C-alpha atoms as a PDB file:
ATOM      1  CA  MET A   1      28.471 -11.304   9.684  1.00  0.00           C
ATOM      2  CA  SER A   2      26.904 -14.689   9.614  1.00  0.00           C
ATOM      3  CA  SER A   3      24.667 -14.054   6.607  1.00  0.00           C
ATOM      4  CA  CYS A   4      25.468 -13.076   3.046  1.00  0.00           C
ATOM      5  CA  GLN A   5      22.926 -10.227   3.123  1.00  0.00           C
ATOM      6  CA  ASP A   6      22.779  -7.643   5.844  1.00  0.00           C
ATOM      7  CA  HIS A   7      19.582  -7.157   7.842  1.00  0.00           C
ATOM      8  CA  TYR A   8      18.793  -3.793   6.272  1.00  0.00           C
ATOM      9  CA  THR A   9      18.873  -5.337   2.805  1.00  0.00           C
ATOM     10  CA  VAL A  10      16.668  -8.232   3.906  1.00  0.00           C
ATOM     11  CA  LEU A  11      13.990  -5.801   5.113  1.00  0.00           C
ATOM     12  CA  GLY A  12      14.571  -3.329   2.264  1.00  0.00           C
ATOM     13  CA  VAL A  13      15.147  -0.333   4.537  1.00  0.00           C
ATOM     14  CA  ALA A  14      17.906   2.235   4.889  1.00  0.00           C
ATOM     15  CA  PRO A  15      20.332   2.001   7.827  1.00  0.00           C
ATOM     16  CA  THR A  16      18.925   5.328   9.038  1.00  0.00           C
ATOM     17  CA  ALA A  17      15.301   4.097   9.033  1.00  0.00           C
ATOM     18  CA  ASP A  18      13.075   4.810  12.011  1.00  0.00           C
ATOM     19  CA  PRO A  19      11.757   1.886  14.083  1.00  0.00           C
ATOM     20  CA  ASP A  20       8.253   2.513  12.685  1.00  0.00           C
ATOM     21  CA  VAL A  21       9.532   2.133   9.128  1.00  0.00           C
ATOM     22  CA  ILE A  22      11.392  -1.073  10.042  1.00  0.00           C
ATOM     23  CA  ARG A  23       8.244  -2.479  11.679  1.00  0.00           C
ATOM     24  CA  ALA A  24       6.077  -1.578   8.673  1.00  0.00           C
ATOM     25  CA  ALA A  25       8.547  -3.095   6.195  1.00  0.00           C
ATOM     26  CA  TYR A  26       8.750  -6.284   8.268  1.00  0.00           C
ATOM     27  CA  ARG A  27       4.965  -6.627   8.394  1.00  0.00           C
ATOM     28  CA  VAL A  28       4.574  -6.178   4.638  1.00  0.00           C
ATOM     29  CA  LEU A  29       7.293  -8.710   3.836  1.00  0.00           C
ATOM     30  CA  ALA A  30       6.109 -11.167   6.505  1.00  0.00           C
ATOM     31  CA  GLN A  31       2.608 -11.145   5.045  1.00  0.00           C
ATOM     32  CA  ARG A  32       3.976 -11.652   1.556  1.00  0.00           C
ATOM     33  CA  HIS A  33       6.276 -14.569   2.448  1.00  0.00           C
ATOM     34  CA  HIS A  34       4.413 -16.276   5.313  1.00  0.00           C
ATOM     35  CA  PRO A  35       3.908 -19.996   4.567  1.00  0.00           C
ATOM     36  CA  ASP A  36       0.377 -20.075   6.042  1.00  0.00           C
ATOM     37  CA  ARG A  37      -0.743 -17.195   3.876  1.00  0.00           C
ATOM     38  CA  ASN A  38       0.859 -18.287   0.606  1.00  0.00           C
ATOM     39  CA  GLY A  39       0.640 -22.058   0.924  1.00  0.00           C
ATOM     40  CA  ALA A  40       4.000 -22.668  -0.721  1.00  0.00           C
ATOM     41  CA  GLY A  41       5.842 -19.947   1.195  1.00  0.00           C
ATOM     42  CA  ASP A  42       9.570 -20.156   1.619  1.00  0.00           C
ATOM     43  CA  GLY A  43      10.488 -20.954   5.218  1.00  0.00           C
ATOM     44  CA  ALA A  44      14.069 -19.783   4.748  1.00  0.00           C
ATOM     45  CA  THR A  45      12.867 -16.332   3.729  1.00  0.00           C
ATOM     46  CA  MET A  46      10.714 -16.074   6.853  1.00  0.00           C
ATOM     47  CA  VAL A  47      13.672 -17.124   8.993  1.00  0.00           C
ATOM     48  CA  ARG A  48      15.814 -14.351   7.462  1.00  0.00           C
ATOM     49  CA  LEU A  49      13.022 -11.794   7.934  1.00  0.00           C
ATOM     50  CA  ASN A  50      12.509 -12.822  11.568  1.00  0.00           C
ATOM     51  CA  GLN A  51      16.234 -12.691  12.313  1.00  0.00           C
ATOM     52  CA  ALA A  52      16.584  -9.269  10.708  1.00  0.00           C
ATOM     53  CA  TYR A  53      13.587  -7.873  12.564  1.00  0.00           C
ATOM     54  CA  ALA A  54      14.720  -9.353  15.886  1.00  0.00           C
ATOM     55  CA  VAL A  55      18.033  -7.502  15.593  1.00  0.00           C
ATOM     56  CA  LEU A  56      16.787  -4.214  14.136  1.00  0.00           C
ATOM     57  CA  SER A  57      13.767  -3.861  16.438  1.00  0.00           C
ATOM     58  CA  ASN A  58      15.891  -3.973  19.603  1.00  0.00           C
ATOM     59  CA  PRO A  59      17.841  -0.694  20.046  1.00  0.00           C
ATOM     60  CA  GLN A  60      20.796  -2.326  21.851  1.00  0.00           C
ATOM     61  CA  HIS A  61      21.096  -5.163  19.325  1.00  0.00           C
ATOM     62  CA  ARG A  62      20.780  -2.671  16.465  1.00  0.00           C
ATOM     63  CA  ASP A  63      23.614  -0.532  17.852  1.00  0.00           C
ATOM     64  CA  ASP A  64      25.832  -3.602  18.237  1.00  0.00           C
ATOM     65  CA  TYR A  65      24.930  -4.771  14.727  1.00  0.00           C
ATOM     66  CA  ASP A  66      25.653  -1.335  13.218  1.00  0.00           C
ATOM     67  CA  ARG A  67      29.084  -1.255  14.853  1.00  0.00           C
ATOM     68  CA  ALA A  68      29.878  -4.771  13.612  1.00  0.00           C
ATOM     69  CA  LEU A  69      28.672  -3.859  10.118  1.00  0.00           C
ATOM     70  CA  GLN A  70      30.837  -0.724  10.048  1.00  0.00           C
ATOM     71  CA  ASP A  71      33.861  -2.726  11.220  1.00  0.00           C
ATOM     72  CA  ALA A  72      33.268  -5.344   8.526  1.00  0.00           C
ATOM     73  CA  GLN A  73      32.893  -2.681   5.834  1.00  0.00           C
ATOM     74  CA  ALA A  74      36.059  -0.892   6.958  1.00  0.00           C
ATOM     75  CA  ARG A  75      37.954  -4.186   6.975  1.00  0.00           C
ATOM     76  CA  SER A  76      36.607  -5.014   3.510  1.00  0.00           C
ATOM     77  CA  GLN A  77      37.658  -1.633   2.120  1.00  0.00           C
ATOM     78  CA  ARG A  78      41.095  -1.960   3.661  1.00  0.00           C
ATOM     79  CA  ASP A  79      41.520  -5.443   2.195  1.00  0.00           C
ATOM     80  CA  SER A  80      40.246  -4.434  -1.244  1.00  0.00           C
ATOM     81  CA  ARG A  81      42.748  -1.585  -1.480  1.00  0.00           C
ATOM     82  CA  HIS A  82      45.591  -4.038  -1.031  1.00  0.00           C
ATOM     83  CA  ALA A  83      44.231  -6.781  -3.245  1.00  0.00           C
ATOM     84  CA  ASP A  84      45.327  -7.042  -6.865  1.00  0.00           C
ATOM     85  CA  GLN A  85      42.159  -8.903  -7.852  1.00  0.00           C
ATOM     86  CA  ALA A  86      39.147  -7.330  -9.533  1.00  0.00           C
ATOM     87  CA  GLN A  87      36.185  -6.591  -7.299  1.00  0.00           C
ATOM     88  CA  THR A  88      33.416  -9.146  -7.143  1.00  0.00           C
ATOM     89  CA  PRO A  89      29.921  -8.077  -8.190  1.00  0.00           C
ATOM     90  CA  THR A  90      27.583  -7.009  -5.401  1.00  0.00           C
ATOM     91  CA  ALA A  91      24.519  -8.947  -4.330  1.00  0.00           C
ATOM     92  CA  PRO A  92      21.193  -8.001  -5.938  1.00  0.00           C
ATOM     93  CA  ARG A  93      19.332  -5.228  -4.165  1.00  0.00           C
ATOM     94  CA  ALA A  94      16.298  -5.919  -2.055  1.00  0.00           C
ATOM     95  CA  PRO A  95      12.948  -4.480  -3.107  1.00  0.00           C
ATOM     96  CA  VAL A  96      12.291  -0.931  -1.997  1.00  0.00           C
ATOM     97  CA  ILE A  97       9.608  -0.517   0.650  1.00  0.00           C
ATOM     98  CA  LEU A  98       7.774   2.786   0.322  1.00  0.00           C
ATOM     99  CA  THR A  99       6.221   4.197   3.474  1.00  0.00           C
ATOM    100  CA  THR A 100       3.687   6.970   3.998  1.00  0.00           C
ATOM    101  CA  TYR A 101       1.416   8.310   6.713  1.00  0.00           C
ATOM    102  CA  ASP A 102      -2.330   8.588   6.187  1.00  0.00           C
ATOM    103  CA  HIS A 103      -4.544  11.442   7.400  1.00  0.00           C
ATOM    104  CA  ARG A 104      -4.872   9.763  10.825  1.00  0.00           C
ATOM    105  CA  GLY A 105      -1.113   9.542  11.283  1.00  0.00           C
ATOM    106  CA  ARG A 106      -0.890   5.774  10.727  1.00  0.00           C
ATOM    107  CA  LEU A 107       2.161   4.448   8.925  1.00  0.00           C
ATOM    108  CA  HIS A 108       1.592   2.363   5.779  1.00  0.00           C
ATOM    109  CA  ALA A 109       4.212   0.403   3.853  1.00  0.00           C
ATOM    110  CA  TYR A 110       4.001  -0.550   0.189  1.00  0.00           C
ATOM    111  CA  ALA A 111       6.293  -2.974  -1.565  1.00  0.00           C
END
């Protein structure tokens, strides 16, 4: 993986999330971190959000990414079993995005 956080963590969704949930989470986070909307927005955050959404919104790219992520996790577990060093602390968790459907069947996301 080229980034320190995986795409699911960046968007705050589960790896089993539906495409509608991924889209809703991306829209909420993009509105929150967009430089034009917030004035002093962080461009690096928007780049990470855009990269994560570009991969997870495309079914073929998402399948490839999931396989690469599983391979990396399996390799990490295999290496950690053989290492004598203590485990390093994990990265902080991304905010949880809550999603719900309204009475018209529209999906809403809340951060």
